[in-house]
Amino acid sequence: MKIVSLDQDIFAFPYIDHIDCLDELKALGAEFTAYSDQPVPSEDEMYERMKDADIVYWGIYELPNSLLSRLPKLKILVYYGVGYENYIDADYCKERKIEIYNTPNYGSNTVAEYALGLAFALTRRICKADRRMRERDWRSQGLEGVELAGLTYGIAGTGAIGSLVAKKASLLGASVIASDIYESEELKEKFGVKYVPLEELMATSDIVSLHLNVLDSTKGIISKDLINTMKDGAFFINCARSAIVESYEPVYERLKAGTLAGAAIDVFDTEPIASFDPCQLDNIITSPHIGYLTCTAMANTLIIAVKQTLKALQK
């Protein structure tokens, strides 16, 4: 049984500190090969990595049907993360009888902390201040911030990550509102979270933070019209998935016009992005899809991937 880690070198830091999690699979005869995510391989290069694999772990690259069709040995795929929909055609895999697993709850706190960190960076103009200092500019004009305490913090989606953001923001003194088809009694009773329709959340929040899963019902749910209803001076944060946003263009336009105070975006339709032009805006923070990227979360993905593999093999 050959297991290939397509784009994460599990024999390097930080995975190596937890490499003993492979022992149970090795006892079953598994052989492991691992590759780094850099440089980005071509489809033919990915094929060469995967051609002898029975099981593939992956987390970054898209796996097109044209590639999967060349891999008759492949039986199990395990995604280092939760939402793999942007990276693979699940229906095609089902037809091919390739089982797909993910690594649930590997880094909910990691992403929640990142979302909250972006909120702090936006509201206190931290990145703008840093850029000025790098340019040897001591001026503080235009760096006036606002406190999270007392702001209306809107959270779209209160699953594992959104719930943690809601709790943390509430403890900081923000007035938290949320929108989700499933309402958390714990958030309402213990943290004072008020559930409202998505339209109301977008129109009344000082901070809009997106934490929705990608489903047929949520693709493009943050429409251009909804973005244009956001109040002047509000902040927009997305470190969930780009597919839930119809288009970032109205965000960029409102940032240019100054009617949105700031935006932080960690996820994009095409990754790597085709144009870095929006990243040059003075009131935006962008990052290369790193909300999940802590040593703790990365190690968890491998540990959970192994557990998922053992579960699949026991079927």
C-alpha atoms as a PDB file:
ATOM      1  CA  MET A   1       0.000   0.000   0.000  1.00  0.00           C
ATOM      2  CA  LYS A   2       1.570   3.268  -1.137  1.00  0.00           C
ATOM      3  CA  ILE A   3       0.539   6.575   0.419  1.00  0.00           C
ATOM      4  CA  VAL A   4       1.695   9.828  -1.186  1.00  0.00           C
ATOM      5  CA  SER A   5       1.564  13.217   0.489  1.00  0.00           C
ATOM      6  CA  LEU A   6       1.264  15.257  -2.680  1.00  0.00           C
ATOM      7  CA  ASP A   7       1.997  18.782  -1.496  1.00  0.00           C
ATOM      8  CA  GLN A   8       3.047  18.649   2.157  1.00  0.00           C
ATOM      9  CA  ASP A   9       6.411  17.278   3.215  1.00  0.00           C
ATOM     10  CA  ILE A  10       5.351  15.320   6.285  1.00  0.00           C
ATOM     11  CA  PHE A  11       8.966  14.414   7.003  1.00  0.00           C
ATOM     12  CA  ALA A  12       9.841  18.061   7.617  1.00  0.00           C
ATOM     13  CA  PHE A  13       8.919  20.612  10.303  1.00  0.00           C
ATOM     14  CA  PRO A  14       6.319  20.873  11.816  1.00  0.00           C
ATOM     15  CA  TYR A  15       4.952  17.443  10.900  1.00  0.00           C
ATOM     16  CA  ILE A  16       8.130  15.603  11.829  1.00  0.00           C
ATOM     17  CA  ASP A  17       7.498  16.173  15.548  1.00  0.00           C
ATOM     18  CA  HIS A  18       4.359  14.042  15.213  1.00  0.00           C
ATOM     19  CA  ILE A  19       5.584  11.520  12.663  1.00  0.00           C
ATOM     20  CA  ASP A  20       4.957   8.600  15.034  1.00  0.00           C
ATOM     21  CA  CYS A  21       1.287   8.926  14.100  1.00  0.00           C
ATOM     22  CA  LEU A  22       2.222   6.996  10.927  1.00  0.00           C
ATOM     23  CA  ASP A  23       3.302   3.906  12.870  1.00  0.00           C
ATOM     24  CA  GLU A  24      -0.083   2.154  12.802  1.00  0.00           C
ATOM     25  CA  LEU A  25      -0.305   2.510   9.037  1.00  0.00           C
ATOM     26  CA  LYS A  26       3.283   1.374   8.600  1.00  0.00           C
ATOM     27  CA  ALA A  27       2.414  -1.725  10.633  1.00  0.00           C
ATOM     28  CA  LEU A  28      -0.215  -2.452   7.987  1.00  0.00           C
ATOM     29  CA  GLY A  29       2.431  -2.272   5.278  1.00  0.00           C
ATOM     30  CA  ALA A  30       2.040   1.348   4.197  1.00  0.00           C
ATOM     31  CA  GLU A  31       4.940   3.046   2.448  1.00  0.00           C
ATOM     32  CA  PHE A  32       5.029   6.839   2.486  1.00  0.00           C
ATOM     33  CA  THR A  33       6.411   9.342  -0.001  1.00  0.00           C
ATOM     34  CA  ALA A  34       6.071  13.085   0.581  1.00  0.00           C
ATOM     35  CA  TYR A  35       6.618  16.182  -1.533  1.00  0.00           C
ATOM     36  CA  SER A  36       6.813  19.888  -0.795  1.00  0.00           C
ATOM     37  CA  ASP A  37       4.286  22.350  -2.200  1.00  0.00           C
ATOM     38  CA  GLN A  38       7.079  24.253  -3.976  1.00  0.00           C
ATOM     39  CA  PRO A  39       7.726  24.644  -6.795  1.00  0.00           C
ATOM     40  CA  VAL A  40       4.189  24.292  -8.118  1.00  0.00           C
ATOM     41  CA  PRO A  41       4.151  21.182 -10.344  1.00  0.00           C
ATOM     42  CA  SER A  42       2.515  20.744 -13.710  1.00  0.00           C
ATOM     43  CA  GLU A  43      -0.241  18.169 -14.147  1.00  0.00           C
ATOM     44  CA  ASP A  44       2.285  15.738 -15.611  1.00  0.00           C
ATOM     45  CA  GLU A  45       4.564  16.255 -12.619  1.00  0.00           C
ATOM     46  CA  MET A  46       1.656  15.608 -10.244  1.00  0.00           C
ATOM     47  CA  TYR A  47       0.910  12.435 -12.186  1.00  0.00           C
ATOM     48  CA  GLU A  48       4.485  11.269 -11.695  1.00  0.00           C
ATOM     49  CA  ARG A  49       4.104  11.832  -7.956  1.00  0.00           C
ATOM     50  CA  MET A  50       0.763  10.008  -7.759  1.00  0.00           C
ATOM     51  CA  LYS A  51       0.942   7.279 -10.416  1.00  0.00           C
ATOM     52  CA  ASP A  52       1.733   4.409  -8.034  1.00  0.00           C
ATOM     53  CA  ALA A  53      -0.351   5.648  -5.104  1.00  0.00           C
ATOM     54  CA  ASP A  54      -3.261   3.794  -3.549  1.00  0.00           C
ATOM     55  CA  ILE A  55      -3.906   6.708  -1.196  1.00  0.00           C
ATOM     56  CA  VAL A  56      -3.097  10.400  -1.638  1.00  0.00           C
ATOM     57  CA  TYR A  57      -3.039  13.136   0.985  1.00  0.00           C
ATOM     58  CA  TRP A  58      -3.230  16.678  -0.405  1.00  0.00           C
ATOM     59  CA  GLY A  59      -4.093  20.189   0.647  1.00  0.00           C
ATOM     60  CA  ILE A  60      -3.221  22.887  -1.892  1.00  0.00           C
ATOM     61  CA  TYR A  61      -3.341  21.790  -5.515  1.00  0.00           C
ATOM     62  CA  GLU A  62      -6.409  21.349  -7.665  1.00  0.00           C
ATOM     63  CA  LEU A  63      -6.833  17.764  -8.837  1.00  0.00           C
ATOM     64  CA  PRO A  64      -8.576  17.923 -12.233  1.00  0.00           C
ATOM     65  CA  ASN A  65     -10.509  15.001 -13.673  1.00  0.00           C
ATOM     66  CA  SER A  66      -7.952  14.766 -16.481  1.00  0.00           C
ATOM     67  CA  LEU A  67      -5.357  13.900 -13.840  1.00  0.00           C
ATOM     68  CA  LEU A  68      -7.532  11.537 -11.813  1.00  0.00           C
ATOM     69  CA  SER A  69      -8.512   9.623 -14.952  1.00  0.00           C
ATOM     70  CA  ARG A  70      -4.862   8.585 -15.344  1.00  0.00           C
ATOM     71  CA  LEU A  71      -4.678   7.037 -11.856  1.00  0.00           C
ATOM     72  CA  PRO A  72      -6.470   3.656 -11.872  1.00  0.00           C
ATOM     73  CA  LYS A  73      -4.777   2.541  -8.625  1.00  0.00           C
ATOM     74  CA  LEU A  74      -6.058   5.499  -6.623  1.00  0.00           C
ATOM     75  CA  LYS A  75      -8.738   4.487  -4.116  1.00  0.00           C
ATOM     76  CA  ILE A  76      -8.648   7.036  -1.284  1.00  0.00           C
ATOM     77  CA  LEU A  77      -8.029  10.789  -1.133  1.00  0.00           C
ATOM     78  CA  VAL A  78      -7.593  12.645   2.141  1.00  0.00           C
ATOM     79  CA  TYR A  79      -7.692  16.434   2.104  1.00  0.00           C
ATOM     80  CA  TYR A  80      -5.562  18.374   4.580  1.00  0.00           C
ATOM     81  CA  GLY A  81      -8.417  20.661   5.570  1.00  0.00           C
ATOM     82  CA  VAL A  82     -12.192  20.831   5.622  1.00  0.00           C
ATOM     83  CA  GLY A  83     -13.639  22.313   2.428  1.00  0.00           C
ATOM     84  CA  TYR A  84     -12.173  20.481  -0.568  1.00  0.00           C
ATOM     85  CA  GLU A  85     -14.940  21.465  -2.993  1.00  0.00           C
ATOM     86  CA  ASN A  86     -12.790  24.048  -4.796  1.00  0.00           C
ATOM     87  CA  TYR A  87     -10.030  21.543  -5.420  1.00  0.00           C
ATOM     88  CA  ILE A  88     -11.693  18.426  -6.791  1.00  0.00           C
ATOM     89  CA  ASP A  89     -14.799  17.146  -8.584  1.00  0.00           C
ATOM     90  CA  ALA A  90     -16.451  15.051  -5.881  1.00  0.00           C
ATOM     91  CA  ASP A  91     -19.097  13.687  -8.255  1.00  0.00           C
ATOM     92  CA  TYR A  92     -16.431  12.408 -10.622  1.00  0.00           C
ATOM     93  CA  CYS A  93     -14.632  10.730  -7.731  1.00  0.00           C
ATOM     94  CA  LYS A  94     -17.863   9.065  -6.702  1.00  0.00           C
ATOM     95  CA  GLU A  95     -18.277   7.694 -10.219  1.00  0.00           C
ATOM     96  CA  ARG A  96     -14.701   6.429 -10.103  1.00  0.00           C
ATOM     97  CA  LYS A  97     -15.300   4.934  -6.634  1.00  0.00           C
ATOM     98  CA  ILE A  98     -12.541   7.091  -5.178  1.00  0.00           C
ATOM     99  CA  GLU A  99     -13.377   7.867  -1.560  1.00  0.00           C
ATOM    100  CA  ILE A 100     -12.689  11.406  -0.325  1.00  0.00           C
ATOM    101  CA  TYR A 101     -12.084  12.292   3.306  1.00  0.00           C
ATOM    102  CA  ASN A 102     -11.185  15.559   4.984  1.00  0.00           C
ATOM    103  CA  THR A 103      -9.634  16.480   8.344  1.00  0.00           C
ATOM    104  CA  PRO A 104     -12.463  18.082  10.354  1.00  0.00           C
ATOM    105  CA  ASN A 105     -11.759  20.375  13.297  1.00  0.00           C
ATOM    106  CA  TYR A 106      -8.029  20.371  12.637  1.00  0.00           C
ATOM    107  CA  GLY A 107      -7.680  24.118  13.085  1.00  0.00           C
ATOM    108  CA  SER A 108     -10.918  25.845  14.067  1.00  0.00           C
ATOM    109  CA  ASN A 109      -9.190  27.904  16.732  1.00  0.00           C
ATOM    110  CA  THR A 110      -6.310  28.715  14.371  1.00  0.00           C
ATOM    111  CA  VAL A 111      -8.641  30.240  11.783  1.00  0.00           C
ATOM    112  CA  ALA A 112     -10.759  31.970  14.425  1.00  0.00           C
ATOM    113  CA  GLU A 113      -7.668  33.635  15.889  1.00  0.00           C
ATOM    114  CA  TYR A 114      -6.570  34.729  12.423  1.00  0.00           C
ATOM    115  CA  ALA A 115      -9.976  36.262  11.688  1.00  0.00           C
ATOM    116  CA  LEU A 116      -9.866  38.137  14.965  1.00  0.00           C
ATOM    117  CA  GLY A 117      -6.282  39.201  14.299  1.00  0.00           C
ATOM    118  CA  LEU A 118      -7.423  40.679  10.983  1.00  0.00           C
ATOM    119  CA  ALA A 119     -10.172  42.552  12.803  1.00  0.00           C
ATOM    120  CA  PHE A 120      -7.611  44.087  15.163  1.00  0.00           C
ATOM    121  CA  ALA A 121      -5.246  44.915  12.293  1.00  0.00           C
ATOM    122  CA  LEU A 122      -8.032  46.643  10.358  1.00  0.00           C
ATOM    123  CA  THR A 123      -9.611  48.608  13.171  1.00  0.00           C
ATOM    124  CA  ARG A 124      -6.284  49.835  14.582  1.00  0.00           C
ATOM    125  CA  ARG A 125      -4.612  50.473  11.173  1.00  0.00           C
ATOM    126  CA  ILE A 126      -1.690  48.293  12.208  1.00  0.00           C
ATOM    127  CA  CYS A 127      -0.501  47.363   8.722  1.00  0.00           C
ATOM    128  CA  LYS A 128      -0.785  50.946   7.485  1.00  0.00           C
ATOM    129  CA  ALA A 129       1.238  52.154  10.470  1.00  0.00           C
ATOM    130  CA  ASP A 130       3.890  49.513   9.828  1.00  0.00           C
ATOM    131  CA  ARG A 131       4.198  50.545   6.170  1.00  0.00           C
ATOM    132  CA  ARG A 132       4.704  54.162   7.193  1.00  0.00           C
ATOM    133  CA  MET A 133       7.447  53.292   9.634  1.00  0.00           C
ATOM    134  CA  ARG A 134       9.236  51.242   6.972  1.00  0.00           C
ATOM    135  CA  GLU A 135       9.156  54.399   4.850  1.00  0.00           C
ATOM    136  CA  ARG A 136      10.647  56.383   7.790  1.00  0.00           C
ATOM    137  CA  ASP A 137       7.383  58.297   8.150  1.00  0.00           C
ATOM    138  CA  TRP A 138       6.435  59.076  11.785  1.00  0.00           C
ATOM    139  CA  ARG A 139       3.099  60.779  11.027  1.00  0.00           C
ATOM    140  CA  SER A 140       0.065  59.456  12.885  1.00  0.00           C
ATOM    141  CA  GLN A 141      -2.535  61.288  10.817  1.00  0.00           C
ATOM    142  CA  GLY A 142      -4.942  58.834   9.234  1.00  0.00           C
ATOM    143  CA  LEU A 143      -4.031  56.093  11.687  1.00  0.00           C
ATOM    144  CA  GLU A 144      -6.905  56.817  14.041  1.00  0.00           C
ATOM    145  CA  GLY A 145      -8.429  53.490  15.039  1.00  0.00           C
ATOM    146  CA  VAL A 146     -11.591  52.247  16.663  1.00  0.00           C
ATOM    147  CA  GLU A 147     -12.009  49.843  19.570  1.00  0.00           C
ATOM    148  CA  LEU A 148     -13.668  46.467  19.047  1.00  0.00           C
ATOM    149  CA  ALA A 149     -15.479  46.935  22.340  1.00  0.00           C
ATOM    150  CA  GLY A 150     -18.867  48.433  21.548  1.00  0.00           C
ATOM    151  CA  LEU A 151     -18.796  47.676  17.822  1.00  0.00           C
ATOM    152  CA  THR A 152     -21.449  45.529  16.181  1.00  0.00           C
ATOM    153  CA  TYR A 153     -19.547  42.435  15.078  1.00  0.00           C
ATOM    154  CA  GLY A 154     -21.460  40.494  12.432  1.00  0.00           C
ATOM    155  CA  ILE A 155     -20.607  36.833  11.898  1.00  0.00           C
ATOM    156  CA  ALA A 156     -22.037  35.036   8.884  1.00  0.00           C
ATOM    157  CA  GLY A 157     -21.913  31.341   9.737  1.00  0.00           C
ATOM    158  CA  THR A 158     -21.599  30.020  13.279  1.00  0.00           C
ATOM    159  CA  GLY A 159     -20.139  26.590  12.733  1.00  0.00           C
ATOM    160  CA  ALA A 160     -16.976  25.508  14.528  1.00  0.00           C
ATOM    161  CA  ILE A 161     -14.934  28.558  13.447  1.00  0.00           C
ATOM    162  CA  GLY A 162     -17.645  31.211  13.465  1.00  0.00           C
ATOM    163  CA  SER A 163     -18.757  30.168  16.943  1.00  0.00           C
ATOM    164  CA  LEU A 164     -15.241  30.640  18.285  1.00  0.00           C
ATOM    165  CA  VAL A 165     -14.999  34.085  16.665  1.00  0.00           C
ATOM    166  CA  ALA A 166     -18.354  34.999  18.216  1.00  0.00           C
ATOM    167  CA  LYS A 167     -17.232  33.920  21.675  1.00  0.00           C
ATOM    168  CA  LYS A 168     -13.896  35.716  21.474  1.00  0.00           C
ATOM    169  CA  ALA A 169     -15.420  38.914  20.067  1.00  0.00           C
ATOM    170  CA  SER A 170     -18.105  38.888  22.754  1.00  0.00           C
ATOM    171  CA  LEU A 171     -15.505  38.555  25.508  1.00  0.00           C
ATOM    172  CA  LEU A 172     -13.734  41.588  24.040  1.00  0.00           C
ATOM    173  CA  GLY A 173     -16.885  43.644  24.537  1.00  0.00           C
ATOM    174  CA  ALA A 174     -18.279  43.677  20.999  1.00  0.00           C
ATOM    175  CA  SER A 175     -21.995  43.388  20.400  1.00  0.00           C
ATOM    176  CA  VAL A 176     -22.161  40.198  18.344  1.00  0.00           C
ATOM    177  CA  ILE A 177     -24.875  39.421  15.817  1.00  0.00           C
ATOM    178  CA  ALA A 178     -24.916  36.328  13.645  1.00  0.00           C
ATOM    179  CA  SER A 179     -26.678  34.723  10.721  1.00  0.00           C
ATOM    180  CA  ASP A 180     -27.002  30.971  10.214  1.00  0.00           C
ATOM    181  CA  ILE A 181     -29.782  28.520   9.424  1.00  0.00           C
ATOM    182  CA  TYR A 182     -28.846  26.739  12.662  1.00  0.00           C
ATOM    183  CA  GLU A 183     -28.901  28.939  15.758  1.00  0.00           C
ATOM    184  CA  SER A 184     -26.588  28.116  18.642  1.00  0.00           C
ATOM    185  CA  GLU A 185     -28.383  28.208  21.982  1.00  0.00           C
ATOM    186  CA  GLU A 186     -25.011  28.408  23.725  1.00  0.00           C
ATOM    187  CA  LEU A 187     -24.053  31.540  21.796  1.00  0.00           C
ATOM    188  CA  LYS A 188     -27.399  33.148  22.512  1.00  0.00           C
ATOM    189  CA  GLU A 189     -27.601  32.255  26.198  1.00  0.00           C
ATOM    190  CA  LYS A 190     -23.965  32.455  27.334  1.00  0.00           C
ATOM    191  CA  PHE A 191     -22.532  35.082  24.989  1.00  0.00           C
ATOM    192  CA  GLY A 192     -25.502  37.271  24.149  1.00  0.00           C
ATOM    193  CA  VAL A 193     -25.310  36.645  20.416  1.00  0.00           C
ATOM    194  CA  LYS A 194     -28.378  37.784  18.521  1.00  0.00           C
ATOM    195  CA  TYR A 195     -29.338  35.961  15.326  1.00  0.00           C
ATOM    196  CA  VAL A 196     -30.618  38.094  12.477  1.00  0.00           C
ATOM    197  CA  PRO A 197     -31.273  37.612   8.739  1.00  0.00           C
ATOM    198  CA  LEU A 198     -28.172  37.889   6.571  1.00  0.00           C
ATOM    199  CA  GLU A 199     -29.514  41.071   4.954  1.00  0.00           C
ATOM    200  CA  GLU A 200     -29.769  42.754   8.353  1.00  0.00           C
ATOM    201  CA  LEU A 201     -26.318  41.553   9.389  1.00  0.00           C
ATOM    202  CA  MET A 202     -24.700  42.979   6.263  1.00  0.00           C
ATOM    203  CA  ALA A 203     -26.495  46.309   6.589  1.00  0.00           C
ATOM    204  CA  THR A 204     -25.989  46.939  10.312  1.00  0.00           C
ATOM    205  CA  SER A 205     -22.591  45.463  11.261  1.00  0.00           C
ATOM    206  CA  ASP A 206     -19.483  47.532  11.858  1.00  0.00           C
ATOM    207  CA  ILE A 207     -17.456  44.410  11.091  1.00  0.00           C
ATOM    208  CA  VAL A 208     -18.670  41.659   8.746  1.00  0.00           C
ATOM    209  CA  SER A 209     -16.703  38.424   9.183  1.00  0.00           C
ATOM    210  CA  LEU A 210     -17.536  35.501   6.886  1.00  0.00           C
ATOM    211  CA  HIS A 211     -17.414  31.920   8.176  1.00  0.00           C
ATOM    212  CA  LEU A 212     -19.867  30.058   5.950  1.00  0.00           C
ATOM    213  CA  ASN A 213     -19.210  26.630   4.494  1.00  0.00           C
ATOM    214  CA  VAL A 214     -19.323  26.266   0.721  1.00  0.00           C
ATOM    215  CA  LEU A 215     -22.601  24.559  -0.176  1.00  0.00           C
ATOM    216  CA  ASP A 216     -24.884  24.851  -3.171  1.00  0.00           C
ATOM    217  CA  SER A 217     -27.019  27.143  -1.021  1.00  0.00           C
ATOM    218  CA  THR A 218     -24.126  29.410  -0.010  1.00  0.00           C
ATOM    219  CA  LYS A 219     -22.193  29.827  -3.259  1.00  0.00           C
ATOM    220  CA  GLY A 220     -22.276  33.534  -4.098  1.00  0.00           C
ATOM    221  CA  ILE A 221     -24.597  34.220  -1.164  1.00  0.00           C
ATOM    222  CA  ILE A 222     -22.653  37.387  -0.314  1.00  0.00           C
ATOM    223  CA  SER A 223     -23.936  39.163  -3.388  1.00  0.00           C
ATOM    224  CA  LYS A 224     -22.851  42.443  -4.912  1.00  0.00           C
ATOM    225  CA  ASP A 225     -26.104  43.978  -3.708  1.00  0.00           C
ATOM    226  CA  LEU A 226     -25.484  42.828  -0.132  1.00  0.00           C
ATOM    227  CA  ILE A 227     -21.958  44.239  -0.146  1.00  0.00           C
ATOM    228  CA  ASN A 228     -23.350  47.558  -1.329  1.00  0.00           C
ATOM    229  CA  THR A 229     -25.755  47.636   1.641  1.00  0.00           C
ATOM    230  CA  MET A 230     -22.891  47.602   4.145  1.00  0.00           C
ATOM    231  CA  LYS A 231     -22.828  50.752   6.226  1.00  0.00           C
ATOM    232  CA  ASP A 232     -20.284  53.445   5.494  1.00  0.00           C
ATOM    233  CA  GLY A 233     -17.150  52.975   7.576  1.00  0.00           C
ATOM    234  CA  ALA A 234     -17.654  49.220   8.017  1.00  0.00           C
ATOM    235  CA  PHE A 235     -14.976  46.540   7.747  1.00  0.00           C
ATOM    236  CA  PHE A 236     -15.173  43.367   5.614  1.00  0.00           C
ATOM    237  CA  ILE A 237     -13.277  40.140   6.445  1.00  0.00           C
ATOM    238  CA  ASN A 238     -13.154  36.858   4.549  1.00  0.00           C
ATOM    239  CA  CYS A 239     -10.830  34.035   5.559  1.00  0.00           C
ATOM    240  CA  ALA A 240     -13.398  31.308   4.826  1.00  0.00           C
ATOM    241  CA  ARG A 241     -13.836  30.600   1.098  1.00  0.00           C
ATOM    242  CA  SER A 242     -14.059  32.950  -1.865  1.00  0.00           C
ATOM    243  CA  ALA A 243     -16.908  30.946  -3.408  1.00  0.00           C
ATOM    244  CA  ILE A 244     -19.369  32.357  -0.881  1.00  0.00           C
ATOM    245  CA  VAL A 245     -18.766  35.855  -2.302  1.00  0.00           C
ATOM    246  CA  GLU A 246     -20.308  36.634  -5.688  1.00  0.00           C
ATOM    247  CA  SER A 247     -17.503  39.068  -6.504  1.00  0.00           C
ATOM    248  CA  TYR A 248     -14.909  41.104  -4.633  1.00  0.00           C
ATOM    249  CA  GLU A 249     -15.240  43.940  -7.151  1.00  0.00           C
ATOM    250  CA  PRO A 250     -17.829  45.915  -5.137  1.00  0.00           C
ATOM    251  CA  VAL A 251     -15.561  45.561  -2.086  1.00  0.00           C
ATOM    252  CA  TYR A 252     -12.628  46.993  -4.042  1.00  0.00           C
ATOM    253  CA  GLU A 253     -14.796  49.790  -5.459  1.00  0.00           C
ATOM    254  CA  ARG A 254     -16.056  50.802  -2.037  1.00  0.00           C
ATOM    255  CA  LEU A 255     -12.527  50.697  -0.629  1.00  0.00           C
ATOM    256  CA  LYS A 256     -11.372  53.004  -3.418  1.00  0.00           C
ATOM    257  CA  ALA A 257     -14.300  55.328  -2.730  1.00  0.00           C
ATOM    258  CA  GLY A 258     -13.606  55.263   1.001  1.00  0.00           C
ATOM    259  CA  THR A 259     -17.119  54.136   1.911  1.00  0.00           C
ATOM    260  CA  LEU A 260     -15.723  50.942   3.431  1.00  0.00           C
ATOM    261  CA  ALA A 261     -13.098  51.637   6.082  1.00  0.00           C
ATOM    262  CA  GLY A 262     -11.170  48.481   5.340  1.00  0.00           C
ATOM    263  CA  ALA A 263     -11.183  44.897   4.172  1.00  0.00           C
ATOM    264  CA  ALA A 264      -9.109  41.811   4.893  1.00  0.00           C
ATOM    265  CA  ILE A 265      -9.122  38.962   2.362  1.00  0.00           C
ATOM    266  CA  ASP A 266      -7.268  35.675   2.718  1.00  0.00           C
ATOM    267  CA  VAL A 267      -9.110  33.601   0.087  1.00  0.00           C
ATOM    268  CA  PHE A 268      -9.461  34.227  -3.645  1.00  0.00           C
ATOM    269  CA  ASP A 269     -11.213  32.745  -6.676  1.00  0.00           C
ATOM    270  CA  THR A 270      -7.893  31.854  -8.294  1.00  0.00           C
ATOM    271  CA  GLU A 271      -4.939  30.907  -6.128  1.00  0.00           C
ATOM    272  CA  PRO A 272      -2.260  32.080  -6.719  1.00  0.00           C
ATOM    273  CA  ILE A 273      -4.075  35.267  -7.717  1.00  0.00           C
ATOM    274  CA  ALA A 274      -3.814  36.537 -11.282  1.00  0.00           C
ATOM    275  CA  SER A 275      -3.447  40.211 -10.341  1.00  0.00           C
ATOM    276  CA  PHE A 276      -1.951  41.822  -7.266  1.00  0.00           C
ATOM    277  CA  ASP A 277      -3.425  45.239  -8.115  1.00  0.00           C
ATOM    278  CA  PRO A 278      -6.169  45.191  -5.431  1.00  0.00           C
ATOM    279  CA  CYS A 279      -3.510  44.357  -2.837  1.00  0.00           C
ATOM    280  CA  GLN A 280      -2.028  47.806  -3.375  1.00  0.00           C
ATOM    281  CA  LEU A 281      -5.058  49.581  -1.919  1.00  0.00           C
ATOM    282  CA  ASP A 282      -4.151  51.493   1.224  1.00  0.00           C
ATOM    283  CA  ASN A 283      -7.124  50.185   3.214  1.00  0.00           C
ATOM    284  CA  ILE A 284      -6.900  46.483   2.431  1.00  0.00           C
ATOM    285  CA  ILE A 285      -5.032  43.591   4.057  1.00  0.00           C
ATOM    286  CA  THR A 286      -4.431  40.567   1.854  1.00  0.00           C
ATOM    287  CA  SER A 287      -2.696  37.270   2.543  1.00  0.00           C
ATOM    288  CA  PRO A 288      -2.000  34.082   0.537  1.00  0.00           C
ATOM    289  CA  HIS A 289      -4.626  31.799   2.119  1.00  0.00           C
ATOM    290  CA  ILE A 290      -2.812  31.327   5.442  1.00  0.00           C
ATOM    291  CA  GLY A 291      -5.675  31.483   7.944  1.00  0.00           C
ATOM    292  CA  TYR A 292      -5.114  27.807   8.730  1.00  0.00           C
ATOM    293  CA  LEU A 293      -1.326  28.039   8.851  1.00  0.00           C
ATOM    294  CA  THR A 294      -0.019  27.337  12.344  1.00  0.00           C
ATOM    295  CA  CYS A 295       2.277  24.516  13.413  1.00  0.00           C
ATOM    296  CA  THR A 296      -0.460  23.135  15.655  1.00  0.00           C
ATOM    297  CA  ALA A 297      -3.066  23.034  12.888  1.00  0.00           C
ATOM    298  CA  MET A 298      -0.665  21.566  10.326  1.00  0.00           C
ATOM    299  CA  ALA A 299       0.310  18.755  12.685  1.00  0.00           C
ATOM    300  CA  ASN A 300      -3.367  18.116  13.395  1.00  0.00           C
ATOM    301  CA  THR A 301      -4.095  17.658   9.690  1.00  0.00           C
ATOM    302  CA  LEU A 302      -1.617  14.792   9.472  1.00  0.00           C
ATOM    303  CA  ILE A 303      -2.827  13.156  12.683  1.00  0.00           C
ATOM    304  CA  ILE A 304      -6.453  13.325  11.562  1.00  0.00           C
ATOM    305  CA  ALA A 305      -5.579  12.230   8.007  1.00  0.00           C
ATOM    306  CA  VAL A 306      -4.062   9.051   9.439  1.00  0.00           C
ATOM    307  CA  LYS A 307      -7.166   8.430  11.556  1.00  0.00           C
ATOM    308  CA  GLN A 308      -9.364   8.927   8.498  1.00  0.00           C
ATOM    309  CA  THR A 309      -7.225   6.490   6.514  1.00  0.00           C
ATOM    310  CA  LEU A 310      -7.471   3.825   9.201  1.00  0.00           C
ATOM    311  CA  LYS A 311     -11.242   4.317   9.298  1.00  0.00           C
ATOM    312  CA  ALA A 312     -11.446   3.952   5.506  1.00  0.00           C
ATOM    313  CA  LEU A 313      -9.338   0.787   5.525  1.00  0.00           C
ATOM    314  CA  GLN A 314     -11.577  -0.794   8.154  1.00  0.00           C
ATOM    315  CA  LYS A 315     -14.697  -0.430   5.968  1.00  0.00           C
END
